[in-house]
Amino acid sequence: MGRDTAPAEDCAPATVSRAALWRLLGLARPYRTALIAGGVCLAVSSLLGLVLPWLVRSLIDGVVIARDGDLLRQVLFALIGVFALQAAFNVGQNYLLAFAGERLVADLRRRLYGHLQSLSAGFFDGRRVGELMSRLTNDVAAIQESITSNLLNFFHQLIFLVGAVALVIITDWRLAGIVLAVVPPIVLVGAFFGRRLQALSRETQTELGLA
């Protein structure tokens, strides 16, 4: 929230600076243990996901081609074990992120309510009720999503991408070259639509404030 002397336009969505991002991460410091544990569960789950292609390859090479019944049983047990471990780590990740996220939102809303109560009547006279309520509900929920799910999901995708590229390079470097040639256009398209979605999200937040 701005100071009570700030104009009403200051509540419009703005680009988040690096200092603001570090400040947001500082809000999660009391729950760093849960977030780190959730990150570990996420990393293990991602690595287990990279094991599945190797098992499927062994299943195809050893069972379908070589018709090895013993290998079939071994691969099936390995697949069941990997799926069970991945499910367990996914449950742990979701629980820990929900635990940290809900408490983070509760702390942030307590701070906001306390700050609002300390402002003068002139501050509220120059602002719409819907605008303030949007800041207290939608913006706080967006911060929770950014610090918990979005941040760790970014690392999940990064780990999976690096691991998948490494596996492709080990398997066939020519196939890896084809895959890497496709990556830049996908990144450019994703960046374009990401900016469009960000702009639409800001417009939506503004409309909610005006409602």
N, C-alpha and C. Protein backbone atom coordinates (compact mmCIF):
# COMPACT_ATOMS: atom_id res chain seq x y z
N MET A 1 0.83 -1.19 0.00
CA MET A 1 0.00 0.00 0.00
C MET A 1 0.87 1.25 0.00
N GLY A 2 0.41 2.28 -0.67
CA GLY A 2 1.14 3.53 -0.65
C GLY A 2 0.84 4.31 0.60
N ARG A 3 1.50 5.45 0.73
CA ARG A 3 1.23 6.29 1.88
C ARG A 3 -0.11 6.99 1.69
N ASP A 4 -0.64 7.57 2.78
CA ASP A 4 -1.94 8.18 2.68
C ASP A 4 -1.92 9.45 1.87
N THR A 5 -0.75 9.98 1.54
CA THR A 5 -0.65 11.18 0.71
C THR A 5 -0.50 10.85 -0.75
N ALA A 6 -0.39 9.55 -1.11
CA ALA A 6 -0.19 9.15 -2.50
C ALA A 6 -1.48 9.28 -3.27
N PRO A 7 -1.42 9.60 -4.57
CA PRO A 7 -2.63 9.67 -5.37
C PRO A 7 -3.23 8.31 -5.60
N ALA A 8 -4.47 8.30 -6.01
CA ALA A 8 -5.17 7.04 -6.19
C ALA A 8 -4.58 6.22 -7.30
N GLU A 9 -3.95 6.90 -8.32
CA GLU A 9 -3.39 6.15 -9.42
C GLU A 9 -2.22 5.28 -9.02
N ASP A 10 -1.64 5.52 -7.83
CA ASP A 10 -0.50 4.72 -7.40
C ASP A 10 -0.86 3.27 -7.18
N CYS A 11 -2.15 3.01 -7.02
CA CYS A 11 -2.57 1.63 -6.79
C CYS A 11 -2.66 0.83 -8.08
N ALA A 12 -2.40 1.45 -9.22
CA ALA A 12 -2.45 0.73 -10.48
C ALA A 12 -1.31 -0.25 -10.54
N PRO A 13 -1.46 -1.39 -11.23
CA PRO A 13 -0.43 -2.39 -11.32
C PRO A 13 0.83 -1.82 -11.95
N ALA A 14 1.98 -2.19 -11.43
CA ALA A 14 3.26 -1.71 -11.94
C ALA A 14 4.21 -2.87 -12.07
N THR A 15 5.29 -2.64 -12.81
CA THR A 15 6.29 -3.68 -12.98
C THR A 15 7.02 -3.91 -11.66
N VAL A 16 7.19 -5.16 -11.28
CA VAL A 16 7.83 -5.49 -10.02
C VAL A 16 9.35 -5.38 -10.19
N SER A 17 10.00 -4.63 -9.31
CA SER A 17 11.44 -4.44 -9.37
C SER A 17 12.14 -5.60 -8.67
N ARG A 18 13.47 -5.64 -8.88
CA ARG A 18 14.24 -6.69 -8.23
C ARG A 18 14.20 -6.55 -6.72
N ALA A 19 14.24 -5.32 -6.23
CA ALA A 19 14.16 -5.09 -4.77
C ALA A 19 12.83 -5.59 -4.21
N ALA A 20 11.75 -5.37 -4.98
CA ALA A 20 10.44 -5.85 -4.52
C ALA A 20 10.39 -7.37 -4.48
N LEU A 21 11.05 -8.01 -5.45
CA LEU A 21 11.08 -9.47 -5.46
C LEU A 21 11.82 -10.01 -4.24
N TRP A 22 12.96 -9.40 -3.91
CA TRP A 22 13.70 -9.83 -2.72
C TRP A 22 12.88 -9.59 -1.45
N ARG A 23 12.10 -8.51 -1.46
CA ARG A 23 11.24 -8.24 -0.30
C ARG A 23 10.15 -9.30 -0.18
N LEU A 24 9.60 -9.71 -1.32
CA LEU A 24 8.59 -10.77 -1.29
C LEU A 24 9.18 -12.09 -0.80
N LEU A 25 10.40 -12.39 -1.26
CA LEU A 25 11.05 -13.61 -0.79
C LEU A 25 11.35 -13.54 0.71
N GLY A 26 11.60 -12.31 1.19
CA GLY A 26 11.83 -12.16 2.63
C GLY A 26 10.60 -12.50 3.45
N LEU A 27 9.41 -12.32 2.87
CA LEU A 27 8.19 -12.68 3.58
C LEU A 27 8.11 -14.18 3.84
N ALA A 28 8.74 -14.96 2.97
CA ALA A 28 8.69 -16.42 3.11
C ALA A 28 9.78 -16.95 4.03
N ARG A 29 10.64 -16.08 4.56
CA ARG A 29 11.76 -16.54 5.38
C ARG A 29 11.33 -17.35 6.59
N PRO A 30 10.26 -16.97 7.31
CA PRO A 30 9.87 -17.80 8.47
C PRO A 30 9.47 -19.22 8.10
N TYR A 31 9.17 -19.46 6.84
CA TYR A 31 8.72 -20.78 6.40
C TYR A 31 9.71 -21.42 5.45
N ARG A 32 10.96 -21.00 5.58
CA ARG A 32 11.98 -21.52 4.65
C ARG A 32 12.20 -23.02 4.82
N THR A 33 12.03 -23.54 6.04
CA THR A 33 12.22 -24.98 6.25
C THR A 33 11.22 -25.79 5.43
N ALA A 34 9.94 -25.38 5.50
CA ALA A 34 8.91 -26.08 4.73
C ALA A 34 9.13 -25.91 3.24
N LEU A 35 9.55 -24.72 2.82
CA LEU A 35 9.78 -24.47 1.40
C LEU A 35 10.97 -25.26 0.88
N ILE A 36 12.04 -25.33 1.68
CA ILE A 36 13.21 -26.10 1.26
C ILE A 36 12.87 -27.59 1.19
N ALA A 37 12.13 -28.08 2.19
CA ALA A 37 11.73 -29.49 2.17
C ALA A 37 10.82 -29.77 0.97
N GLY A 38 9.92 -28.83 0.67
CA GLY A 38 9.09 -28.99 -0.51
C GLY A 38 9.89 -28.97 -1.80
N GLY A 39 10.94 -28.12 -1.82
CA GLY A 39 11.83 -28.09 -2.98
C GLY A 39 12.60 -29.39 -3.16
N VAL A 40 13.03 -29.99 -2.05
CA VAL A 40 13.72 -31.28 -2.13
C VAL A 40 12.78 -32.36 -2.68
N CYS A 41 11.54 -32.37 -2.16
CA CYS A 41 10.56 -33.33 -2.67
C CYS A 41 10.32 -33.12 -4.16
N LEU A 42 10.26 -31.85 -4.57
CA LEU A 42 10.06 -31.55 -5.99
C LEU A 42 11.22 -32.04 -6.84
N ALA A 43 12.46 -31.81 -6.35
CA ALA A 43 13.64 -32.24 -7.12
C ALA A 43 13.69 -33.76 -7.24
N VAL A 44 13.41 -34.47 -6.15
CA VAL A 44 13.44 -35.94 -6.19
C VAL A 44 12.36 -36.46 -7.12
N SER A 45 11.15 -35.84 -7.06
CA SER A 45 10.07 -36.26 -7.94
C SER A 45 10.43 -36.03 -9.41
N SER A 46 11.10 -34.92 -9.70
CA SER A 46 11.52 -34.65 -11.08
C SER A 46 12.55 -35.66 -11.55
N LEU A 47 13.50 -35.98 -10.70
CA LEU A 47 14.53 -36.96 -11.07
C LEU A 47 13.93 -38.34 -11.27
N LEU A 48 12.95 -38.69 -10.44
CA LEU A 48 12.28 -39.98 -10.63
C LEU A 48 11.52 -40.02 -11.95
N GLY A 49 10.99 -38.88 -12.35
CA GLY A 49 10.32 -38.82 -13.64
C GLY A 49 11.27 -39.06 -14.80
N LEU A 50 12.55 -38.70 -14.60
CA LEU A 50 13.54 -38.94 -15.66
C LEU A 50 13.96 -40.40 -15.73
N VAL A 51 13.70 -41.16 -14.66
CA VAL A 51 14.05 -42.59 -14.66
C VAL A 51 13.09 -43.39 -15.53
N LEU A 52 11.87 -42.92 -15.65
CA LEU A 52 10.84 -43.68 -16.38
C LEU A 52 11.22 -43.97 -17.83
N PRO A 53 11.78 -43.01 -18.59
CA PRO A 53 12.16 -43.36 -19.97
C PRO A 53 13.18 -44.50 -20.04
N TRP A 54 14.12 -44.56 -19.10
CA TRP A 54 15.09 -45.65 -19.09
C TRP A 54 14.40 -46.99 -18.85
N LEU A 55 13.45 -47.00 -17.93
CA LEU A 55 12.73 -48.24 -17.66
C LEU A 55 11.89 -48.67 -18.86
N VAL A 56 11.26 -47.71 -19.51
CA VAL A 56 10.46 -48.05 -20.70
C VAL A 56 11.36 -48.57 -21.81
N ARG A 57 12.54 -47.98 -21.96
CA ARG A 57 13.47 -48.47 -22.98
C ARG A 57 13.91 -49.90 -22.66
N SER A 58 14.18 -50.17 -21.38
CA SER A 58 14.55 -51.53 -20.99
C SER A 58 13.40 -52.49 -21.23
N LEU A 59 12.19 -52.01 -20.99
CA LEU A 59 11.02 -52.85 -21.22
C LEU A 59 10.88 -53.21 -22.69
N ILE A 60 11.09 -52.24 -23.56
CA ILE A 60 10.95 -52.49 -24.99
C ILE A 60 12.09 -53.36 -25.51
N ASP A 61 13.33 -52.99 -25.13
CA ASP A 61 14.49 -53.73 -25.64
C ASP A 61 14.55 -55.16 -25.12
N GLY A 62 14.31 -55.32 -23.82
CA GLY A 62 14.49 -56.63 -23.21
C GLY A 62 13.31 -57.55 -23.30
N VAL A 63 12.11 -56.97 -23.33
CA VAL A 63 10.90 -57.79 -23.29
C VAL A 63 10.30 -57.96 -24.69
N VAL A 64 10.06 -56.86 -25.36
CA VAL A 64 9.41 -56.93 -26.68
C VAL A 64 10.35 -57.53 -27.71
N ILE A 65 11.63 -57.11 -27.68
CA ILE A 65 12.59 -57.58 -28.68
C ILE A 65 13.21 -58.92 -28.27
N ALA A 66 13.80 -58.96 -27.06
CA ALA A 66 14.49 -60.17 -26.61
C ALA A 66 13.56 -61.20 -25.99
N ARG A 67 12.32 -60.81 -25.65
CA ARG A 67 11.34 -61.71 -25.03
C ARG A 67 11.90 -62.34 -23.75
N ASP A 68 12.42 -61.49 -22.89
CA ASP A 68 13.00 -61.94 -21.63
C ASP A 68 11.94 -61.80 -20.53
N GLY A 69 11.40 -62.90 -20.06
CA GLY A 69 10.35 -62.86 -19.04
C GLY A 69 10.85 -62.37 -17.70
N ASP A 70 12.07 -62.76 -17.31
CA ASP A 70 12.61 -62.30 -16.03
C ASP A 70 12.79 -60.78 -16.03
N LEU A 71 13.26 -60.24 -17.13
CA LEU A 71 13.44 -58.79 -17.22
C LEU A 71 12.09 -58.07 -17.16
N LEU A 72 11.07 -58.69 -17.71
CA LEU A 72 9.73 -58.11 -17.64
C LEU A 72 9.29 -57.91 -16.20
N ARG A 73 9.47 -58.94 -15.38
CA ARG A 73 9.09 -58.84 -13.97
C ARG A 73 9.92 -57.76 -13.26
N GLN A 74 11.22 -57.73 -13.53
CA GLN A 74 12.08 -56.74 -12.89
C GLN A 74 11.67 -55.31 -13.26
N VAL A 75 11.40 -55.11 -14.55
CA VAL A 75 11.02 -53.76 -14.99
C VAL A 75 9.67 -53.36 -14.41
N LEU A 76 8.73 -54.29 -14.35
CA LEU A 76 7.41 -53.97 -13.79
C LEU A 76 7.52 -53.59 -12.32
N PHE A 77 8.31 -54.35 -11.55
CA PHE A 77 8.49 -54.01 -10.14
C PHE A 77 9.18 -52.65 -9.99
N ALA A 78 10.16 -52.40 -10.88
CA ALA A 78 10.85 -51.11 -10.83
C ALA A 78 9.89 -49.96 -11.15
N LEU A 79 9.01 -50.16 -12.14
CA LEU A 79 8.04 -49.13 -12.50
C LEU A 79 7.08 -48.85 -11.34
N ILE A 80 6.61 -49.92 -10.70
CA ILE A 80 5.71 -49.75 -9.55
C ILE A 80 6.41 -48.98 -8.43
N GLY A 81 7.69 -49.34 -8.18
CA GLY A 81 8.44 -48.64 -7.14
C GLY A 81 8.65 -47.18 -7.45
N VAL A 82 8.98 -46.88 -8.70
CA VAL A 82 9.20 -45.48 -9.10
C VAL A 82 7.91 -44.68 -8.98
N PHE A 83 6.80 -45.25 -9.46
CA PHE A 83 5.52 -44.55 -9.37
C PHE A 83 5.11 -44.32 -7.92
N ALA A 84 5.35 -45.30 -7.06
CA ALA A 84 4.99 -45.15 -5.64
C ALA A 84 5.83 -44.07 -4.98
N LEU A 85 7.15 -44.08 -5.24
CA LEU A 85 8.01 -43.05 -4.66
C LEU A 85 7.66 -41.67 -5.18
N GLN A 86 7.40 -41.58 -6.48
CA GLN A 86 7.06 -40.28 -7.06
C GLN A 86 5.76 -39.75 -6.46
N ALA A 87 4.78 -40.63 -6.28
CA ALA A 87 3.51 -40.21 -5.67
C ALA A 87 3.72 -39.73 -4.24
N ALA A 88 4.57 -40.43 -3.48
CA ALA A 88 4.83 -40.03 -2.09
C ALA A 88 5.50 -38.66 -2.03
N PHE A 89 6.49 -38.43 -2.88
CA PHE A 89 7.16 -37.13 -2.89
C PHE A 89 6.25 -36.03 -3.40
N ASN A 90 5.35 -36.35 -4.32
CA ASN A 90 4.39 -35.35 -4.79
C ASN A 90 3.44 -34.94 -3.68
N VAL A 91 3.00 -35.91 -2.89
CA VAL A 91 2.13 -35.61 -1.75
C VAL A 91 2.86 -34.72 -0.75
N GLY A 92 4.12 -35.08 -0.46
CA GLY A 92 4.91 -34.26 0.46
C GLY A 92 5.11 -32.85 -0.05
N GLN A 93 5.38 -32.73 -1.34
CA GLN A 93 5.58 -31.41 -1.94
C GLN A 93 4.31 -30.56 -1.83
N ASN A 94 3.18 -31.14 -2.21
CA ASN A 94 1.92 -30.39 -2.17
C ASN A 94 1.55 -29.97 -0.75
N TYR A 95 1.76 -30.87 0.21
CA TYR A 95 1.42 -30.54 1.60
C TYR A 95 2.30 -29.42 2.13
N LEU A 96 3.61 -29.52 1.89
CA LEU A 96 4.53 -28.51 2.42
C LEU A 96 4.30 -27.15 1.78
N LEU A 97 4.04 -27.12 0.48
CA LEU A 97 3.78 -25.85 -0.19
C LEU A 97 2.47 -25.24 0.28
N ALA A 98 1.44 -26.06 0.48
CA ALA A 98 0.17 -25.55 1.00
C ALA A 98 0.34 -25.03 2.42
N PHE A 99 1.13 -25.74 3.24
CA PHE A 99 1.39 -25.33 4.61
C PHE A 99 2.06 -23.95 4.65
N ALA A 100 3.12 -23.79 3.87
CA ALA A 100 3.84 -22.52 3.85
C ALA A 100 3.01 -21.42 3.21
N GLY A 101 2.31 -21.75 2.13
CA GLY A 101 1.55 -20.72 1.42
C GLY A 101 0.41 -20.15 2.24
N GLU A 102 -0.34 -20.99 2.93
CA GLU A 102 -1.47 -20.50 3.71
C GLU A 102 -1.01 -19.63 4.88
N ARG A 103 0.06 -20.01 5.52
CA ARG A 103 0.56 -19.21 6.63
C ARG A 103 1.18 -17.90 6.15
N LEU A 104 1.80 -17.96 4.98
CA LEU A 104 2.34 -16.74 4.39
C LEU A 104 1.23 -15.74 4.09
N VAL A 105 0.14 -16.21 3.52
CA VAL A 105 -1.00 -15.34 3.22
C VAL A 105 -1.59 -14.77 4.50
N ALA A 106 -1.72 -15.60 5.52
CA ALA A 106 -2.28 -15.11 6.79
C ALA A 106 -1.39 -14.01 7.38
N ASP A 107 -0.08 -14.19 7.37
CA ASP A 107 0.82 -13.17 7.90
C ASP A 107 0.74 -11.88 7.08
N LEU A 108 0.71 -12.02 5.76
CA LEU A 108 0.68 -10.84 4.90
C LEU A 108 -0.62 -10.07 5.07
N ARG A 109 -1.73 -10.76 5.20
CA ARG A 109 -3.01 -10.08 5.39
C ARG A 109 -3.08 -9.39 6.75
N ARG A 110 -2.49 -9.99 7.77
CA ARG A 110 -2.44 -9.33 9.08
C ARG A 110 -1.65 -8.03 8.99
N ARG A 111 -0.53 -8.07 8.25
CA ARG A 111 0.27 -6.85 8.08
C ARG A 111 -0.50 -5.78 7.31
N LEU A 112 -1.21 -6.19 6.28
CA LEU A 112 -1.96 -5.23 5.48
C LEU A 112 -3.10 -4.60 6.28
N TYR A 113 -3.83 -5.42 7.01
CA TYR A 113 -4.92 -4.88 7.83
C TYR A 113 -4.38 -3.92 8.89
N GLY A 114 -3.26 -4.29 9.50
CA GLY A 114 -2.66 -3.39 10.49
C GLY A 114 -2.21 -2.08 9.86
N HIS A 115 -1.65 -2.16 8.63
CA HIS A 115 -1.22 -0.94 7.95
C HIS A 115 -2.41 -0.07 7.57
N LEU A 116 -3.48 -0.70 7.10
CA LEU A 116 -4.67 0.07 6.72
C LEU A 116 -5.27 0.80 7.91
N GLN A 117 -5.26 0.18 9.06
CA GLN A 117 -5.84 0.80 10.24
C GLN A 117 -5.01 1.99 10.73
N SER A 118 -3.75 2.03 10.31
CA SER A 118 -2.90 3.15 10.73
C SER A 118 -2.98 4.35 9.79
N LEU A 119 -3.67 4.20 8.65
CA LEU A 119 -3.76 5.29 7.68
C LEU A 119 -4.85 6.28 8.06
N SER A 120 -4.73 7.49 7.52
CA SER A 120 -5.70 8.55 7.83
C SER A 120 -6.97 8.37 7.01
N ALA A 121 -8.00 9.11 7.40
CA ALA A 121 -9.28 9.03 6.68
C ALA A 121 -9.15 9.57 5.26
N GLY A 122 -8.21 10.49 5.03
CA GLY A 122 -8.03 11.05 3.70
C GLY A 122 -7.57 10.01 2.69
N PHE A 123 -6.83 9.03 3.15
CA PHE A 123 -6.39 7.96 2.25
C PHE A 123 -7.57 7.19 1.69
N PHE A 124 -8.52 6.83 2.55
CA PHE A 124 -9.68 6.06 2.12
C PHE A 124 -10.66 6.91 1.33
N ASP A 125 -10.66 8.22 1.56
CA ASP A 125 -11.57 9.10 0.85
C ASP A 125 -11.23 9.17 -0.64
N GLY A 126 -9.95 8.98 -0.98
CA GLY A 126 -9.52 9.11 -2.37
C GLY A 126 -9.41 7.80 -3.11
N ARG A 127 -9.91 6.71 -2.54
CA ARG A 127 -9.78 5.40 -3.18
C ARG A 127 -11.08 4.63 -3.12
N ARG A 128 -11.28 3.78 -4.13
CA ARG A 128 -12.48 2.96 -4.20
C ARG A 128 -12.35 1.77 -3.26
N VAL A 129 -13.49 1.34 -2.73
CA VAL A 129 -13.50 0.18 -1.84
C VAL A 129 -13.09 -1.08 -2.61
N GLY A 130 -13.59 -1.22 -3.84
CA GLY A 130 -13.25 -2.40 -4.64
C GLY A 130 -11.76 -2.49 -4.92
N GLU A 131 -11.12 -1.33 -5.10
CA GLU A 131 -9.69 -1.32 -5.37
C GLU A 131 -8.91 -1.84 -4.17
N LEU A 132 -9.28 -1.38 -2.99
CA LEU A 132 -8.60 -1.83 -1.77
C LEU A 132 -8.88 -3.30 -1.50
N MET A 133 -10.11 -3.74 -1.72
CA MET A 133 -10.43 -5.14 -1.50
C MET A 133 -9.68 -6.04 -2.47
N SER A 134 -9.47 -5.56 -3.70
CA SER A 134 -8.71 -6.34 -4.68
C SER A 134 -7.28 -6.53 -4.21
N ARG A 135 -6.70 -5.48 -3.61
CA ARG A 135 -5.34 -5.59 -3.09
C ARG A 135 -5.26 -6.59 -1.94
N LEU A 136 -6.30 -6.62 -1.13
CA LEU A 136 -6.28 -7.47 0.06
C LEU A 136 -6.59 -8.94 -0.27
N THR A 137 -7.21 -9.19 -1.38
CA THR A 137 -7.60 -10.57 -1.72
C THR A 137 -6.81 -11.09 -2.91
N ASN A 138 -7.05 -10.53 -4.08
CA ASN A 138 -6.43 -11.07 -5.30
C ASN A 138 -4.92 -10.91 -5.31
N ASP A 139 -4.43 -9.74 -4.91
CA ASP A 139 -2.98 -9.50 -4.95
C ASP A 139 -2.25 -10.38 -3.95
N VAL A 140 -2.83 -10.55 -2.77
CA VAL A 140 -2.20 -11.40 -1.76
C VAL A 140 -2.16 -12.85 -2.23
N ALA A 141 -3.25 -13.31 -2.85
CA ALA A 141 -3.27 -14.67 -3.38
C ALA A 141 -2.24 -14.85 -4.50
N ALA A 142 -2.07 -13.80 -5.32
CA ALA A 142 -1.07 -13.88 -6.39
C ALA A 142 0.35 -13.96 -5.82
N ILE A 143 0.59 -13.24 -4.73
CA ILE A 143 1.90 -13.30 -4.07
C ILE A 143 2.15 -14.70 -3.51
N GLN A 144 1.12 -15.28 -2.89
CA GLN A 144 1.25 -16.64 -2.37
C GLN A 144 1.61 -17.62 -3.48
N GLU A 145 0.91 -17.50 -4.62
CA GLU A 145 1.14 -18.41 -5.74
C GLU A 145 2.55 -18.22 -6.31
N SER A 146 3.01 -16.97 -6.35
CA SER A 146 4.32 -16.69 -6.94
C SER A 146 5.45 -17.23 -6.07
N ILE A 147 5.34 -17.06 -4.75
CA ILE A 147 6.43 -17.45 -3.86
C ILE A 147 6.48 -18.96 -3.67
N THR A 148 5.34 -19.62 -3.71
CA THR A 148 5.31 -21.07 -3.44
C THR A 148 5.24 -21.88 -4.73
N SER A 149 4.07 -22.01 -5.29
CA SER A 149 3.88 -22.92 -6.42
C SER A 149 4.66 -22.51 -7.66
N ASN A 150 4.54 -21.24 -8.07
CA ASN A 150 5.16 -20.82 -9.33
C ASN A 150 6.68 -20.91 -9.27
N LEU A 151 7.26 -20.48 -8.16
CA LEU A 151 8.72 -20.48 -8.05
C LEU A 151 9.27 -21.90 -8.07
N LEU A 152 8.67 -22.80 -7.28
CA LEU A 152 9.17 -24.17 -7.24
C LEU A 152 8.82 -24.93 -8.52
N ASN A 153 7.70 -24.61 -9.13
CA ASN A 153 7.38 -25.25 -10.41
C ASN A 153 8.37 -24.83 -11.49
N PHE A 154 8.88 -23.61 -11.40
CA PHE A 154 9.90 -23.18 -12.35
C PHE A 154 11.15 -24.05 -12.21
N PHE A 155 11.56 -24.30 -10.97
CA PHE A 155 12.73 -25.17 -10.76
C PHE A 155 12.43 -26.61 -11.17
N HIS A 156 11.18 -27.04 -10.99
CA HIS A 156 10.79 -28.38 -11.43
C HIS A 156 10.96 -28.51 -12.95
N GLN A 157 10.45 -27.54 -13.68
CA GLN A 157 10.58 -27.57 -15.13
C GLN A 157 12.03 -27.45 -15.57
N LEU A 158 12.82 -26.64 -14.85
CA LEU A 158 14.22 -26.49 -15.19
C LEU A 158 14.99 -27.79 -15.00
N ILE A 159 14.76 -28.45 -13.85
CA ILE A 159 15.43 -29.73 -13.59
C ILE A 159 15.04 -30.76 -14.63
N PHE A 160 13.75 -30.82 -14.93
CA PHE A 160 13.27 -31.81 -15.90
C PHE A 160 13.84 -31.53 -17.29
N LEU A 161 13.92 -30.25 -17.67
CA LEU A 161 14.45 -29.90 -18.99
C LEU A 161 15.92 -30.26 -19.11
N VAL A 162 16.73 -29.88 -18.10
CA VAL A 162 18.16 -30.18 -18.13
C VAL A 162 18.39 -31.70 -18.13
N GLY A 163 17.64 -32.41 -17.28
CA GLY A 163 17.80 -33.86 -17.23
C GLY A 163 17.38 -34.54 -18.53
N ALA A 164 16.28 -34.06 -19.13
CA ALA A 164 15.82 -34.66 -20.38
C ALA A 164 16.82 -34.42 -21.51
N VAL A 165 17.37 -33.20 -21.58
CA VAL A 165 18.38 -32.90 -22.60
C VAL A 165 19.61 -33.77 -22.40
N ALA A 166 20.02 -33.94 -21.14
CA ALA A 166 21.20 -34.79 -20.86
C ALA A 166 20.94 -36.23 -21.28
N LEU A 167 19.75 -36.74 -21.02
CA LEU A 167 19.42 -38.12 -21.42
C LEU A 167 19.41 -38.27 -22.94
N VAL A 168 18.87 -37.27 -23.64
CA VAL A 168 18.84 -37.35 -25.10
C VAL A 168 20.25 -37.31 -25.67
N ILE A 169 21.11 -36.46 -25.09
CA ILE A 169 22.50 -36.37 -25.57
C ILE A 169 23.23 -37.69 -25.36
N ILE A 170 23.00 -38.32 -24.19
CA ILE A 170 23.65 -39.61 -23.91
C ILE A 170 23.14 -40.69 -24.86
N THR A 171 21.84 -40.65 -25.15
CA THR A 171 21.25 -41.68 -26.00
C THR A 171 21.66 -41.51 -27.47
N ASP A 172 21.50 -40.30 -28.00
CA ASP A 172 21.81 -40.06 -29.42
C ASP A 172 22.04 -38.56 -29.59
N TRP A 173 23.29 -38.15 -29.84
CA TRP A 173 23.61 -36.73 -29.94
C TRP A 173 22.96 -36.09 -31.17
N ARG A 174 22.71 -36.87 -32.22
CA ARG A 174 22.05 -36.31 -33.40
C ARG A 174 20.59 -35.97 -33.11
N LEU A 175 19.94 -36.85 -32.35
CA LEU A 175 18.57 -36.56 -31.94
C LEU A 175 18.54 -35.34 -31.01
N ALA A 176 19.56 -35.22 -30.16
CA ALA A 176 19.65 -34.05 -29.27
C ALA A 176 19.77 -32.77 -30.08
N GLY A 177 20.52 -32.79 -31.18
CA GLY A 177 20.64 -31.61 -32.03
C GLY A 177 19.31 -31.18 -32.61
N ILE A 178 18.49 -32.16 -33.02
CA ILE A 178 17.17 -31.84 -33.55
C ILE A 178 16.28 -31.23 -32.47
N VAL A 179 16.33 -31.81 -31.27
CA VAL A 179 15.53 -31.30 -30.16
C VAL A 179 15.94 -29.88 -29.80
N LEU A 180 17.25 -29.64 -29.68
CA LEU A 180 17.72 -28.32 -29.31
C LEU A 180 17.41 -27.27 -30.39
N ALA A 181 17.32 -27.70 -31.64
CA ALA A 181 16.97 -26.75 -32.71
C ALA A 181 15.53 -26.28 -32.59
N VAL A 182 14.68 -27.10 -31.97
CA VAL A 182 13.27 -26.73 -31.82
C VAL A 182 13.04 -25.86 -30.59
N VAL A 183 13.96 -25.90 -29.62
CA VAL A 183 13.76 -25.19 -28.35
C VAL A 183 13.66 -23.67 -28.52
N PRO A 184 14.59 -22.99 -29.25
CA PRO A 184 14.50 -21.52 -29.34
C PRO A 184 13.16 -21.00 -29.85
N PRO A 185 12.57 -21.55 -30.93
CA PRO A 185 11.25 -21.04 -31.34
C PRO A 185 10.18 -21.22 -30.26
N ILE A 186 10.24 -22.36 -29.54
CA ILE A 186 9.26 -22.59 -28.48
C ILE A 186 9.43 -21.55 -27.36
N VAL A 187 10.68 -21.24 -27.02
CA VAL A 187 10.94 -20.24 -25.97
C VAL A 187 10.43 -18.87 -26.40
N LEU A 188 10.66 -18.50 -27.65
CA LEU A 188 10.19 -17.20 -28.14
C LEU A 188 8.67 -17.11 -28.13
N VAL A 189 8.01 -18.17 -28.57
CA VAL A 189 6.54 -18.18 -28.56
C VAL A 189 6.01 -18.11 -27.13
N GLY A 190 6.67 -18.88 -26.23
CA GLY A 190 6.26 -18.84 -24.82
C GLY A 190 6.44 -17.47 -24.20
N ALA A 191 7.54 -16.78 -24.53
CA ALA A 191 7.78 -15.44 -24.01
C ALA A 191 6.74 -14.46 -24.52
N PHE A 192 6.37 -14.60 -25.80
CA PHE A 192 5.36 -13.69 -26.39
C PHE A 192 4.02 -13.85 -25.68
N PHE A 193 3.56 -15.10 -25.57
CA PHE A 193 2.27 -15.32 -24.93
C PHE A 193 2.33 -15.03 -23.43
N GLY A 194 3.51 -15.21 -22.82
CA GLY A 194 3.64 -14.89 -21.40
C GLY A 194 3.44 -13.40 -21.14
N ARG A 195 4.01 -12.57 -22.02
CA ARG A 195 3.82 -11.13 -21.87
C ARG A 195 2.37 -10.72 -22.11
N ARG A 196 1.73 -11.37 -23.08
CA ARG A 196 0.33 -11.08 -23.34
C ARG A 196 -0.53 -11.44 -22.14
N LEU A 197 -0.27 -12.63 -21.55
CA LEU A 197 -1.04 -13.05 -20.38
C LEU A 197 -0.79 -12.13 -19.19
N GLN A 198 0.45 -11.64 -19.05
CA GLN A 198 0.75 -10.72 -17.96
C GLN A 198 -0.03 -9.42 -18.13
N ALA A 199 -0.09 -8.91 -19.36
CA ALA A 199 -0.84 -7.68 -19.62
C ALA A 199 -2.33 -7.89 -19.35
N LEU A 200 -2.87 -9.04 -19.78
CA LEU A 200 -4.28 -9.32 -19.54
C LEU A 200 -4.57 -9.47 -18.05
N SER A 201 -3.62 -10.06 -17.32
CA SER A 201 -3.80 -10.21 -15.88
C SER A 201 -3.85 -8.85 -15.19
N ARG A 202 -2.99 -7.94 -15.63
CA ARG A 202 -3.01 -6.60 -15.04
C ARG A 202 -4.32 -5.88 -15.34
N GLU A 203 -4.82 -6.03 -16.57
CA GLU A 203 -6.08 -5.42 -16.91
C GLU A 203 -7.21 -5.99 -16.08
N THR A 204 -7.16 -7.30 -15.84
CA THR A 204 -8.19 -7.95 -15.02
C THR A 204 -8.17 -7.43 -13.59
N GLN A 205 -6.95 -7.29 -13.03
CA GLN A 205 -6.83 -6.77 -11.68
C GLN A 205 -7.36 -5.33 -11.58
N THR A 206 -7.09 -4.53 -12.63
CA THR A 206 -7.60 -3.16 -12.62
C THR A 206 -9.12 -3.13 -12.67
N GLU A 207 -9.70 -4.00 -13.52
CA GLU A 207 -11.15 -4.06 -13.62
C GLU A 207 -11.79 -4.51 -12.31
N LEU A 208 -11.13 -5.48 -11.64
CA LEU A 208 -11.65 -5.92 -10.35
C LEU A 208 -11.64 -4.79 -9.33
N GLY A 209 -10.59 -3.96 -9.39
CA GLY A 209 -10.52 -2.83 -8.48
C GLY A 209 -11.58 -1.79 -8.74
N LEU A 210 -11.99 -1.64 -10.01
CA LEU A 210 -13.00 -0.66 -10.36
C LEU A 210 -14.41 -1.16 -10.13
N ALA A 211 -14.56 -2.47 -9.92
CA ALA A 211 -15.91 -3.04 -9.78
C ALA A 211 -16.56 -2.60 -8.48
